[in-house]
Amino acid sequence: MLRSQPLDAGRQFAAGAEADQHLLRTFLDGNPDAFDRLFLKYQDYVYNICLGILGNPDEARDCAQETFLRVYRKARDYRGKAALSTWIYRIAVNVCIGQIRKRPRAGIASLEEEHVREVADPGPEPWHGMQRQEEEERIRKIVAELPEDYRKVLVLRYFQDLSYEEMVEVLDWTLATVKVKLHRARRAFAARYHGSDG
């Protein structure tokens, strides 16, 4: 029975993607309840992406709301080349980046690879299996201080558990770029995480 789980998971994903497509078509055919169901399904995911990238709950709520407004307005533009969830995540990331660019420049130091001090791989990422709210807040604060691209890859990979292939779709980057940015983002995060242990 255990061996069938990956296949079952694949079927569940496909069924979920088909259900999303059906809901979107139903919405476009004039049934607003279908959009409400999509909203309820994805609202937490979208909010968590926004919170992870922005590090500010108020901004995250505003950007999550703006994301769904855009999904509502642009629903007819969706072409089905990627999963609907991927399309929604891409809109959320773009909304967050727009919000970041509206902020006054605070002189955040760039953390390009040559400026990041070497840090041993900390092993399992500290945001997996978090129990305490304090630790979660500390991690979100560190992520929010990182450069924009690093925030995006860390949030999508570890907060949302997206695969590399899904990240390529959401970010519209090459696989090589995703891997390089994620590697640099991990190092930058580790430098700040261990540097703030005091």
N, C-alpha and C. Protein backbone atom coordinates (compact mmCIF):
# COMPACT_ATOMS: atom_id res chain seq x y z
N MET A 1 0.82 -1.21 0.00
CA MET A 1 0.00 0.00 0.00
C MET A 1 0.85 1.26 0.00
N LEU A 2 1.94 1.24 0.77
CA LEU A 2 2.77 2.44 0.87
C LEU A 2 3.35 2.82 -0.48
N ARG A 3 3.65 1.83 -1.32
CA ARG A 3 4.28 2.13 -2.60
C ARG A 3 3.36 2.91 -3.53
N SER A 4 2.07 2.83 -3.29
CA SER A 4 1.13 3.51 -4.17
C SER A 4 0.94 4.98 -3.81
N GLN A 5 1.52 5.41 -2.69
CA GLN A 5 1.30 6.79 -2.24
C GLN A 5 1.76 7.85 -3.23
N PRO A 6 2.99 7.74 -3.82
CA PRO A 6 3.39 8.77 -4.77
C PRO A 6 2.43 8.88 -5.95
N LEU A 7 1.97 7.73 -6.44
CA LEU A 7 1.02 7.74 -7.54
C LEU A 7 -0.28 8.40 -7.09
N ASP A 8 -0.74 8.02 -5.88
CA ASP A 8 -1.96 8.63 -5.35
C ASP A 8 -1.80 10.13 -5.19
N ALA A 9 -0.62 10.54 -4.70
CA ALA A 9 -0.37 11.98 -4.53
C ALA A 9 -0.42 12.68 -5.88
N GLY A 10 0.16 12.04 -6.91
CA GLY A 10 0.12 12.62 -8.25
C GLY A 10 -1.30 12.74 -8.76
N ARG A 11 -2.10 11.70 -8.49
CA ARG A 11 -3.50 11.74 -8.91
C ARG A 11 -4.27 12.83 -8.18
N GLN A 12 -3.97 12.95 -6.87
CA GLN A 12 -4.65 13.99 -6.09
C GLN A 12 -4.30 15.38 -6.61
N PHE A 13 -3.01 15.58 -6.95
CA PHE A 13 -2.60 16.87 -7.49
C PHE A 13 -3.33 17.16 -8.80
N ALA A 14 -3.36 16.15 -9.67
CA ALA A 14 -4.03 16.32 -10.96
C ALA A 14 -5.51 16.61 -10.76
N ALA A 15 -6.12 15.87 -9.82
CA ALA A 15 -7.54 16.10 -9.55
C ALA A 15 -7.75 17.51 -9.00
N GLY A 16 -6.84 17.94 -8.11
CA GLY A 16 -6.95 19.30 -7.57
C GLY A 16 -6.80 20.36 -8.65
N ALA A 17 -5.86 20.13 -9.58
CA ALA A 17 -5.66 21.08 -10.68
C ALA A 17 -6.89 21.12 -11.58
N GLU A 18 -7.47 19.95 -11.84
CA GLU A 18 -8.69 19.91 -12.66
C GLU A 18 -9.84 20.61 -11.96
N ALA A 19 -9.95 20.41 -10.64
CA ALA A 19 -11.00 21.08 -9.86
C ALA A 19 -10.83 22.60 -9.93
N ASP A 20 -9.58 23.06 -9.82
CA ASP A 20 -9.32 24.50 -9.92
C ASP A 20 -9.74 25.04 -11.28
N GLN A 21 -9.38 24.31 -12.33
CA GLN A 21 -9.74 24.74 -13.70
C GLN A 21 -11.26 24.81 -13.84
N HIS A 22 -11.93 23.81 -13.27
CA HIS A 22 -13.40 23.78 -13.35
C HIS A 22 -14.00 24.98 -12.62
N LEU A 23 -13.47 25.27 -11.42
CA LEU A 23 -13.97 26.42 -10.66
C LEU A 23 -13.77 27.72 -11.44
N LEU A 24 -12.60 27.87 -12.06
CA LEU A 24 -12.34 29.09 -12.82
C LEU A 24 -13.30 29.20 -14.00
N ARG A 25 -13.49 28.10 -14.73
CA ARG A 25 -14.44 28.13 -15.86
C ARG A 25 -15.85 28.47 -15.40
N THR A 26 -16.24 27.90 -14.26
CA THR A 26 -17.57 28.17 -13.70
C THR A 26 -17.72 29.64 -13.34
N PHE A 27 -16.67 30.20 -12.74
CA PHE A 27 -16.67 31.63 -12.42
C PHE A 27 -16.80 32.47 -13.69
N LEU A 28 -16.02 32.13 -14.71
CA LEU A 28 -16.06 32.90 -15.96
C LEU A 28 -17.40 32.74 -16.68
N ASP A 29 -18.10 31.65 -16.39
CA ASP A 29 -19.44 31.45 -16.96
C ASP A 29 -20.52 32.19 -16.19
N GLY A 30 -20.11 32.93 -15.16
CA GLY A 30 -21.07 33.79 -14.47
C GLY A 30 -21.46 33.38 -13.07
N ASN A 31 -20.75 32.43 -12.47
CA ASN A 31 -21.08 31.99 -11.12
C ASN A 31 -20.05 32.53 -10.12
N PRO A 32 -20.38 33.60 -9.39
CA PRO A 32 -19.39 34.19 -8.46
C PRO A 32 -19.04 33.28 -7.29
N ASP A 33 -19.91 32.32 -6.96
CA ASP A 33 -19.59 31.40 -5.86
C ASP A 33 -18.33 30.60 -6.14
N ALA A 34 -18.07 30.32 -7.41
CA ALA A 34 -16.88 29.55 -7.78
C ALA A 34 -15.61 30.32 -7.42
N PHE A 35 -15.63 31.63 -7.61
CA PHE A 35 -14.45 32.43 -7.23
C PHE A 35 -14.28 32.42 -5.72
N ASP A 36 -15.39 32.50 -5.00
CA ASP A 36 -15.32 32.45 -3.53
C ASP A 36 -14.65 31.17 -3.06
N ARG A 37 -14.94 30.07 -3.75
CA ARG A 37 -14.33 28.79 -3.36
C ARG A 37 -12.83 28.78 -3.65
N LEU A 38 -12.42 29.38 -4.76
CA LEU A 38 -10.98 29.50 -5.04
C LEU A 38 -10.31 30.38 -4.00
N PHE A 39 -10.97 31.47 -3.65
CA PHE A 39 -10.43 32.38 -2.63
C PHE A 39 -10.22 31.64 -1.31
N LEU A 40 -11.24 30.90 -0.87
CA LEU A 40 -11.14 30.18 0.40
C LEU A 40 -10.03 29.13 0.36
N LYS A 41 -9.85 28.51 -0.80
CA LYS A 41 -8.82 27.48 -0.94
C LYS A 41 -7.42 28.06 -0.85
N TYR A 42 -7.21 29.24 -1.42
CA TYR A 42 -5.84 29.77 -1.57
C TYR A 42 -5.53 30.97 -0.67
N GLN A 43 -6.48 31.46 0.09
CA GLN A 43 -6.23 32.68 0.85
C GLN A 43 -5.07 32.53 1.84
N ASP A 44 -5.00 31.40 2.54
CA ASP A 44 -3.92 31.21 3.52
C ASP A 44 -2.56 31.09 2.84
N TYR A 45 -2.51 30.35 1.72
CA TYR A 45 -1.25 30.22 0.98
C TYR A 45 -0.76 31.59 0.52
N VAL A 46 -1.67 32.37 -0.05
CA VAL A 46 -1.28 33.68 -0.58
C VAL A 46 -0.84 34.60 0.55
N TYR A 47 -1.57 34.60 1.64
CA TYR A 47 -1.19 35.45 2.78
C TYR A 47 0.20 35.06 3.29
N ASN A 48 0.47 33.77 3.39
CA ASN A 48 1.78 33.32 3.89
C ASN A 48 2.91 33.69 2.95
N ILE A 49 2.67 33.63 1.65
CA ILE A 49 3.68 34.09 0.70
C ILE A 49 3.95 35.58 0.94
N CYS A 50 2.88 36.35 1.04
CA CYS A 50 3.03 37.81 1.22
C CYS A 50 3.73 38.13 2.54
N LEU A 51 3.34 37.44 3.60
CA LEU A 51 3.97 37.68 4.90
C LEU A 51 5.45 37.31 4.87
N GLY A 52 5.75 36.20 4.22
CA GLY A 52 7.15 35.77 4.15
C GLY A 52 8.01 36.75 3.38
N ILE A 53 7.49 37.30 2.30
CA ILE A 53 8.27 38.23 1.48
C ILE A 53 8.34 39.61 2.12
N LEU A 54 7.22 40.06 2.70
CA LEU A 54 7.15 41.43 3.20
C LEU A 54 7.54 41.55 4.67
N GLY A 55 7.28 40.51 5.45
CA GLY A 55 7.62 40.55 6.87
C GLY A 55 6.75 41.47 7.70
N ASN A 56 5.62 41.91 7.14
CA ASN A 56 4.74 42.85 7.83
C ASN A 56 3.30 42.36 7.66
N PRO A 57 2.62 41.99 8.74
CA PRO A 57 1.27 41.43 8.62
C PRO A 57 0.27 42.36 7.92
N ASP A 58 0.33 43.66 8.23
CA ASP A 58 -0.61 44.60 7.60
C ASP A 58 -0.39 44.68 6.09
N GLU A 59 0.87 44.82 5.68
CA GLU A 59 1.18 44.84 4.26
C GLU A 59 0.82 43.52 3.60
N ALA A 60 1.06 42.42 4.32
CA ALA A 60 0.75 41.10 3.77
C ALA A 60 -0.75 40.96 3.51
N ARG A 61 -1.57 41.43 4.45
CA ARG A 61 -3.03 41.38 4.25
C ARG A 61 -3.45 42.21 3.04
N ASP A 62 -2.88 43.42 2.95
CA ASP A 62 -3.21 44.30 1.81
C ASP A 62 -2.81 43.66 0.48
N CYS A 63 -1.61 43.06 0.46
CA CYS A 63 -1.12 42.46 -0.79
C CYS A 63 -1.87 41.18 -1.13
N ALA A 64 -2.29 40.44 -0.12
CA ALA A 64 -3.10 39.25 -0.39
C ALA A 64 -4.44 39.67 -1.01
N GLN A 65 -5.02 40.73 -0.46
CA GLN A 65 -6.28 41.23 -1.01
C GLN A 65 -6.09 41.71 -2.45
N GLU A 66 -5.00 42.44 -2.69
CA GLU A 66 -4.70 42.92 -4.05
C GLU A 66 -4.46 41.76 -5.00
N THR A 67 -3.83 40.70 -4.50
CA THR A 67 -3.61 39.52 -5.34
C THR A 67 -4.93 38.96 -5.84
N PHE A 68 -5.88 38.80 -4.95
CA PHE A 68 -7.16 38.21 -5.36
C PHE A 68 -7.98 39.17 -6.23
N LEU A 69 -7.81 40.47 -6.01
CA LEU A 69 -8.46 41.43 -6.92
C LEU A 69 -7.91 41.26 -8.33
N ARG A 70 -6.59 41.08 -8.43
CA ARG A 70 -5.99 40.88 -9.76
C ARG A 70 -6.41 39.56 -10.38
N VAL A 71 -6.47 38.52 -9.56
CA VAL A 71 -6.93 37.22 -10.07
C VAL A 71 -8.35 37.37 -10.60
N TYR A 72 -9.18 38.08 -9.86
CA TYR A 72 -10.58 38.31 -10.27
C TYR A 72 -10.65 39.05 -11.60
N ARG A 73 -9.85 40.13 -11.69
CA ARG A 73 -9.89 40.97 -12.90
C ARG A 73 -9.23 40.31 -14.10
N LYS A 74 -8.21 39.48 -13.86
CA LYS A 74 -7.43 38.91 -14.96
C LYS A 74 -7.77 37.45 -15.23
N ALA A 75 -8.85 36.96 -14.65
CA ALA A 75 -9.18 35.54 -14.78
C ALA A 75 -9.24 35.09 -16.24
N ARG A 76 -9.73 35.95 -17.12
CA ARG A 76 -9.82 35.58 -18.54
C ARG A 76 -8.45 35.52 -19.21
N ASP A 77 -7.43 36.11 -18.58
CA ASP A 77 -6.08 36.08 -19.15
C ASP A 77 -5.36 34.76 -18.87
N TYR A 78 -5.88 33.98 -17.93
CA TYR A 78 -5.23 32.72 -17.57
C TYR A 78 -5.35 31.75 -18.74
N ARG A 79 -4.19 31.24 -19.18
CA ARG A 79 -4.15 30.39 -20.38
C ARG A 79 -3.99 28.91 -20.08
N GLY A 80 -3.78 28.56 -18.82
CA GLY A 80 -3.70 27.15 -18.47
C GLY A 80 -2.36 26.50 -18.76
N LYS A 81 -1.32 27.30 -19.06
CA LYS A 81 0.00 26.70 -19.32
C LYS A 81 0.63 26.17 -18.04
N ALA A 82 0.34 26.82 -16.94
CA ALA A 82 0.80 26.36 -15.63
C ALA A 82 -0.43 26.09 -14.78
N ALA A 83 -0.23 25.40 -13.66
CA ALA A 83 -1.35 25.16 -12.74
C ALA A 83 -1.91 26.50 -12.28
N LEU A 84 -3.21 26.54 -12.00
CA LEU A 84 -3.83 27.78 -11.54
C LEU A 84 -3.15 28.28 -10.26
N SER A 85 -2.77 27.34 -9.37
CA SER A 85 -2.10 27.74 -8.13
C SER A 85 -0.80 28.46 -8.44
N THR A 86 -0.05 27.97 -9.42
CA THR A 86 1.21 28.62 -9.81
C THR A 86 0.96 30.02 -10.32
N TRP A 87 -0.07 30.17 -11.13
CA TRP A 87 -0.43 31.49 -11.67
C TRP A 87 -0.79 32.45 -10.54
N ILE A 88 -1.55 31.97 -9.56
CA ILE A 88 -1.93 32.81 -8.41
C ILE A 88 -0.70 33.18 -7.60
N TYR A 89 0.20 32.22 -7.37
CA TYR A 89 1.43 32.51 -6.61
C TYR A 89 2.27 33.56 -7.33
N ARG A 90 2.34 33.44 -8.67
CA ARG A 90 3.13 34.41 -9.44
C ARG A 90 2.56 35.82 -9.26
N ILE A 91 1.24 35.94 -9.30
CA ILE A 91 0.61 37.25 -9.09
C ILE A 91 0.94 37.76 -7.69
N ALA A 92 0.87 36.89 -6.69
CA ALA A 92 1.16 37.29 -5.31
C ALA A 92 2.60 37.81 -5.19
N VAL A 93 3.55 37.09 -5.77
CA VAL A 93 4.95 37.52 -5.72
C VAL A 93 5.11 38.89 -6.38
N ASN A 94 4.49 39.07 -7.54
CA ASN A 94 4.61 40.35 -8.25
C ASN A 94 3.98 41.50 -7.46
N VAL A 95 2.85 41.25 -6.81
CA VAL A 95 2.22 42.27 -5.98
C VAL A 95 3.16 42.66 -4.83
N CYS A 96 3.77 41.66 -4.20
CA CYS A 96 4.69 41.93 -3.09
C CYS A 96 5.91 42.72 -3.55
N ILE A 97 6.44 42.37 -4.71
CA ILE A 97 7.61 43.09 -5.22
C ILE A 97 7.23 44.54 -5.50
N GLY A 98 6.04 44.74 -6.05
CA GLY A 98 5.56 46.12 -6.26
C GLY A 98 5.47 46.89 -4.96
N GLN A 99 5.00 46.22 -3.91
CA GLN A 99 4.90 46.86 -2.60
C GLN A 99 6.27 47.21 -2.05
N ILE A 100 7.22 46.29 -2.19
CA ILE A 100 8.58 46.56 -1.70
C ILE A 100 9.17 47.77 -2.42
N ARG A 101 8.93 47.88 -3.70
CA ARG A 101 9.51 48.98 -4.48
C ARG A 101 8.88 50.33 -4.15
N LYS A 102 7.71 50.31 -3.51
CA LYS A 102 7.08 51.57 -3.07
C LYS A 102 7.70 52.08 -1.76
N ARG A 103 8.36 51.17 -1.04
CA ARG A 103 8.93 51.56 0.25
C ARG A 103 10.08 52.53 0.06
N PRO A 104 10.27 53.44 1.02
CA PRO A 104 11.47 54.28 0.95
C PRO A 104 12.70 53.42 1.12
N ARG A 105 13.77 53.77 0.39
CA ARG A 105 15.01 53.00 0.48
C ARG A 105 15.59 53.15 1.88
N ALA A 106 15.81 51.99 2.53
CA ALA A 106 16.33 52.04 3.91
C ALA A 106 17.79 51.66 3.99
N GLY A 107 18.43 51.54 2.83
CA GLY A 107 19.85 51.22 2.83
C GLY A 107 20.17 49.81 3.29
N ILE A 108 19.32 48.85 2.89
CA ILE A 108 19.60 47.46 3.25
C ILE A 108 20.85 47.01 2.51
N ALA A 109 21.78 46.46 3.23
CA ALA A 109 23.04 46.03 2.62
C ALA A 109 22.79 44.90 1.64
N SER A 110 23.46 44.96 0.51
CA SER A 110 23.36 43.88 -0.47
C SER A 110 24.13 42.68 0.05
N LEU A 111 23.57 41.51 -0.17
CA LEU A 111 24.24 40.30 0.31
C LEU A 111 24.63 39.43 -0.87
N GLU A 112 25.33 40.00 -1.83
CA GLU A 112 25.82 39.19 -2.94
C GLU A 112 26.80 38.16 -2.39
N GLU A 113 27.03 37.13 -3.13
CA GLU A 113 27.76 35.97 -2.61
C GLU A 113 29.12 36.34 -2.03
N GLU A 114 29.83 37.26 -2.69
CA GLU A 114 31.17 37.56 -2.22
C GLU A 114 31.18 38.28 -0.87
N HIS A 115 30.03 38.85 -0.47
CA HIS A 115 29.97 39.58 0.79
C HIS A 115 29.44 38.72 1.94
N VAL A 116 28.99 37.51 1.62
CA VAL A 116 28.41 36.66 2.66
C VAL A 116 29.52 35.82 3.26
N ARG A 117 29.71 35.93 4.56
CA ARG A 117 30.77 35.14 5.19
C ARG A 117 30.41 33.67 5.11
N GLU A 118 31.44 32.86 4.97
CA GLU A 118 31.21 31.42 4.85
C GLU A 118 30.62 30.90 6.16
N VAL A 119 29.55 30.14 6.04
CA VAL A 119 28.92 29.55 7.19
C VAL A 119 28.67 28.08 6.87
N ALA A 120 29.01 27.21 7.80
CA ALA A 120 28.74 25.79 7.58
C ALA A 120 27.24 25.58 7.43
N ASP A 121 26.87 24.63 6.59
CA ASP A 121 25.46 24.30 6.41
C ASP A 121 24.88 23.95 7.77
N PRO A 122 23.82 24.64 8.21
CA PRO A 122 23.29 24.38 9.55
C PRO A 122 22.52 23.08 9.66
N GLY A 123 22.49 22.29 8.59
CA GLY A 123 21.72 21.05 8.64
C GLY A 123 20.28 21.34 8.23
N PRO A 124 19.33 20.70 8.88
CA PRO A 124 17.94 20.97 8.52
C PRO A 124 17.62 22.45 8.70
N GLU A 125 16.91 23.02 7.74
CA GLU A 125 16.60 24.44 7.80
C GLU A 125 15.81 24.73 9.07
N PRO A 126 16.15 25.82 9.77
CA PRO A 126 15.54 26.07 11.08
C PRO A 126 14.06 26.39 11.02
N TRP A 127 13.51 26.67 9.81
CA TRP A 127 12.09 26.99 9.77
C TRP A 127 11.22 25.74 9.62
N HIS A 128 11.85 24.55 9.47
CA HIS A 128 11.06 23.33 9.38
C HIS A 128 10.67 22.88 10.80
N GLY A 129 9.41 22.54 10.98
CA GLY A 129 8.95 22.00 12.24
C GLY A 129 8.99 22.99 13.38
N MET A 130 8.83 24.28 13.08
CA MET A 130 8.87 25.28 14.15
C MET A 130 7.71 25.11 15.11
N GLN A 131 7.97 25.26 16.37
CA GLN A 131 6.92 25.14 17.38
C GLN A 131 6.62 26.49 18.02
N ARG A 132 7.64 27.27 18.22
CA ARG A 132 7.44 28.48 19.03
C ARG A 132 7.24 29.71 18.17
N GLN A 133 6.30 30.54 18.58
CA GLN A 133 5.99 31.75 17.83
C GLN A 133 7.18 32.71 17.79
N GLU A 134 7.93 32.77 18.89
CA GLU A 134 9.10 33.66 18.93
C GLU A 134 10.10 33.30 17.85
N GLU A 135 10.33 32.00 17.70
CA GLU A 135 11.29 31.56 16.69
C GLU A 135 10.78 31.88 15.29
N GLU A 136 9.48 31.70 15.08
CA GLU A 136 8.90 32.02 13.77
C GLU A 136 9.05 33.51 13.46
N GLU A 137 8.80 34.34 14.46
CA GLU A 137 8.92 35.79 14.25
C GLU A 137 10.38 36.17 13.96
N ARG A 138 11.29 35.54 14.67
CA ARG A 138 12.72 35.82 14.44
C ARG A 138 13.11 35.45 13.01
N ILE A 139 12.66 34.29 12.57
CA ILE A 139 12.99 33.83 11.22
C ILE A 139 12.38 34.75 10.17
N ARG A 140 11.10 35.12 10.36
CA ARG A 140 10.46 36.03 9.40
C ARG A 140 11.18 37.38 9.34
N LYS A 141 11.64 37.83 10.51
CA LYS A 141 12.36 39.11 10.56
C LYS A 141 13.67 39.03 9.76
N ILE A 142 14.40 37.92 9.94
CA ILE A 142 15.66 37.75 9.20
C ILE A 142 15.38 37.67 7.70
N VAL A 143 14.37 36.89 7.31
CA VAL A 143 14.04 36.76 5.89
C VAL A 143 13.65 38.12 5.31
N ALA A 144 12.88 38.90 6.07
CA ALA A 144 12.43 40.21 5.59
C ALA A 144 13.59 41.18 5.38
N GLU A 145 14.71 40.94 6.05
CA GLU A 145 15.87 41.82 5.90
C GLU A 145 16.75 41.45 4.71
N LEU A 146 16.49 40.31 4.11
CA LEU A 146 17.31 39.86 2.99
C LEU A 146 16.89 40.57 1.70
N PRO A 147 17.77 40.58 0.69
CA PRO A 147 17.41 41.16 -0.60
C PRO A 147 16.18 40.47 -1.20
N GLU A 148 15.51 41.20 -2.05
CA GLU A 148 14.23 40.79 -2.63
C GLU A 148 14.25 39.38 -3.23
N ASP A 149 15.24 39.09 -4.06
CA ASP A 149 15.29 37.78 -4.73
C ASP A 149 15.47 36.65 -3.72
N TYR A 150 16.26 36.89 -2.69
CA TYR A 150 16.49 35.87 -1.68
C TYR A 150 15.20 35.57 -0.91
N ARG A 151 14.46 36.64 -0.59
CA ARG A 151 13.19 36.46 0.11
C ARG A 151 12.25 35.59 -0.70
N LYS A 152 12.16 35.90 -2.00
CA LYS A 152 11.23 35.17 -2.86
C LYS A 152 11.54 33.68 -2.86
N VAL A 153 12.81 33.32 -3.07
CA VAL A 153 13.12 31.89 -3.19
C VAL A 153 12.96 31.17 -1.85
N LEU A 154 13.34 31.81 -0.75
CA LEU A 154 13.19 31.16 0.55
C LEU A 154 11.72 30.94 0.90
N VAL A 155 10.90 31.95 0.66
CA VAL A 155 9.48 31.83 0.98
C VAL A 155 8.81 30.75 0.14
N LEU A 156 9.07 30.76 -1.15
CA LEU A 156 8.42 29.78 -2.02
C LEU A 156 8.90 28.36 -1.73
N ARG A 157 10.20 28.21 -1.45
CA ARG A 157 10.75 26.87 -1.23
C ARG A 157 10.40 26.32 0.15
N TYR A 158 10.56 27.14 1.19
CA TYR A 158 10.45 26.62 2.54
C TYR A 158 9.15 26.98 3.25
N PHE A 159 8.56 28.12 2.95
CA PHE A 159 7.28 28.46 3.58
C PHE A 159 6.14 27.79 2.81
N GLN A 160 6.29 27.71 1.47
CA GLN A 160 5.22 27.15 0.65
C GLN A 160 5.54 25.76 0.10
N ASP A 161 6.77 25.30 0.28
CA ASP A 161 7.17 23.95 -0.11
C ASP A 161 7.00 23.70 -1.61
N LEU A 162 7.28 24.72 -2.42
CA LEU A 162 7.21 24.55 -3.87
C LEU A 162 8.43 23.79 -4.37
N SER A 163 8.25 23.00 -5.41
CA SER A 163 9.37 22.30 -6.04
C SER A 163 10.18 23.31 -6.86
N TYR A 164 11.38 22.90 -7.29
CA TYR A 164 12.17 23.77 -8.16
C TYR A 164 11.40 24.10 -9.43
N GLU A 165 10.72 23.10 -9.98
CA GLU A 165 9.98 23.32 -11.23
C GLU A 165 8.86 24.34 -11.04
N GLU A 166 8.17 24.26 -9.90
CA GLU A 166 7.11 25.23 -9.62
C GLU A 166 7.69 26.62 -9.42
N MET A 167 8.86 26.69 -8.79
CA MET A 167 9.51 28.00 -8.59
C MET A 167 9.89 28.62 -9.93
N VAL A 168 10.37 27.79 -10.85
CA VAL A 168 10.69 28.28 -12.20
C VAL A 168 9.46 28.91 -12.83
N GLU A 169 8.31 28.25 -12.68
CA GLU A 169 7.06 28.76 -13.24
C GLU A 169 6.64 30.07 -12.58
N VAL A 170 6.68 30.09 -11.25
CA VAL A 170 6.21 31.27 -10.51
C VAL A 170 7.11 32.48 -10.76
N LEU A 171 8.42 32.25 -10.73
CA LEU A 171 9.36 33.37 -10.80
C LEU A 171 9.76 33.73 -12.23
N ASP A 172 9.46 32.82 -13.17
CA ASP A 172 9.84 33.03 -14.57
C ASP A 172 11.36 33.16 -14.70
N TRP A 173 12.08 32.31 -13.96
CA TRP A 173 13.54 32.23 -14.02
C TRP A 173 13.92 30.88 -14.60
N THR A 174 15.19 30.74 -14.98
CA THR A 174 15.68 29.42 -15.37
C THR A 174 15.89 28.58 -14.12
N LEU A 175 15.97 27.27 -14.31
CA LEU A 175 16.24 26.38 -13.18
C LEU A 175 17.59 26.70 -12.55
N ALA A 176 18.58 26.99 -13.38
CA ALA A 176 19.92 27.33 -12.86
C ALA A 176 19.87 28.58 -11.99
N THR A 177 19.11 29.58 -12.42
CA THR A 177 18.99 30.81 -11.64
C THR A 177 18.33 30.54 -10.30
N VAL A 178 17.26 29.74 -10.32
CA VAL A 178 16.58 29.40 -9.07
C VAL A 178 17.55 28.73 -8.10
N LYS A 179 18.33 27.77 -8.60
CA LYS A 179 19.26 27.04 -7.73
C LYS A 179 20.35 27.95 -7.17
N VAL A 180 20.89 28.82 -8.01
CA VAL A 180 21.95 29.74 -7.55
C VAL A 180 21.40 30.71 -6.51
N LYS A 181 20.24 31.29 -6.81
CA LYS A 181 19.64 32.26 -5.86
C LYS A 181 19.31 31.58 -4.54
N LEU A 182 18.79 30.35 -4.62
CA LEU A 182 18.43 29.65 -3.39
C LEU A 182 19.68 29.32 -2.57
N HIS A 183 20.75 28.92 -3.25
CA HIS A 183 22.00 28.64 -2.55
C HIS A 183 22.51 29.89 -1.83
N ARG A 184 22.52 31.00 -2.54
CA ARG A 184 22.98 32.26 -1.94
C ARG A 184 22.06 32.71 -0.81
N ALA A 185 20.75 32.52 -1.02
CA ALA A 185 19.78 32.93 0.00
C ALA A 185 19.96 32.11 1.27
N ARG A 186 20.21 30.81 1.12
CA ARG A 186 20.46 29.97 2.31
C ARG A 186 21.68 30.45 3.08
N ARG A 187 22.73 30.75 2.35
CA ARG A 187 23.97 31.22 3.01
C ARG A 187 23.74 32.55 3.70
N ALA A 188 23.03 33.44 3.02
CA ALA A 188 22.75 34.75 3.62
C ALA A 188 21.89 34.60 4.87
N PHE A 189 20.89 33.73 4.77
CA PHE A 189 20.03 33.48 5.94
C PHE A 189 20.85 32.90 7.08
N ALA A 190 21.67 31.89 6.77
CA ALA A 190 22.46 31.24 7.82
C ALA A 190 23.40 32.23 8.49
N ALA A 191 24.00 33.13 7.70
CA ALA A 191 24.92 34.12 8.27
C ALA A 191 24.20 35.00 9.28
N ARG A 192 22.99 35.42 8.93
CA ARG A 192 22.24 36.28 9.85
C ARG A 192 21.65 35.48 11.02
N TYR A 193 21.18 34.29 10.73
CA TYR A 193 20.57 33.47 11.78
C TYR A 193 21.58 33.14 12.86
N HIS A 194 22.77 32.66 12.45
CA HIS A 194 23.77 32.28 13.43
C HIS A 194 24.49 33.51 13.99
N GLY A 195 24.54 34.58 13.20
CA GLY A 195 25.16 35.79 13.67
C GLY A 195 24.33 36.49 14.73
N SER A 196 23.01 36.19 14.75
CA SER A 196 22.15 36.85 15.75
C SER A 196 21.91 35.99 16.97
N ASP A 197 22.65 34.84 17.05
CA ASP A 197 22.50 33.99 18.23
C ASP A 197 23.03 34.67 19.48
N GLY A 198 23.96 35.61 19.25
CA GLY A 198 24.51 36.38 20.34
C GLY A 198 25.31 35.56 21.30
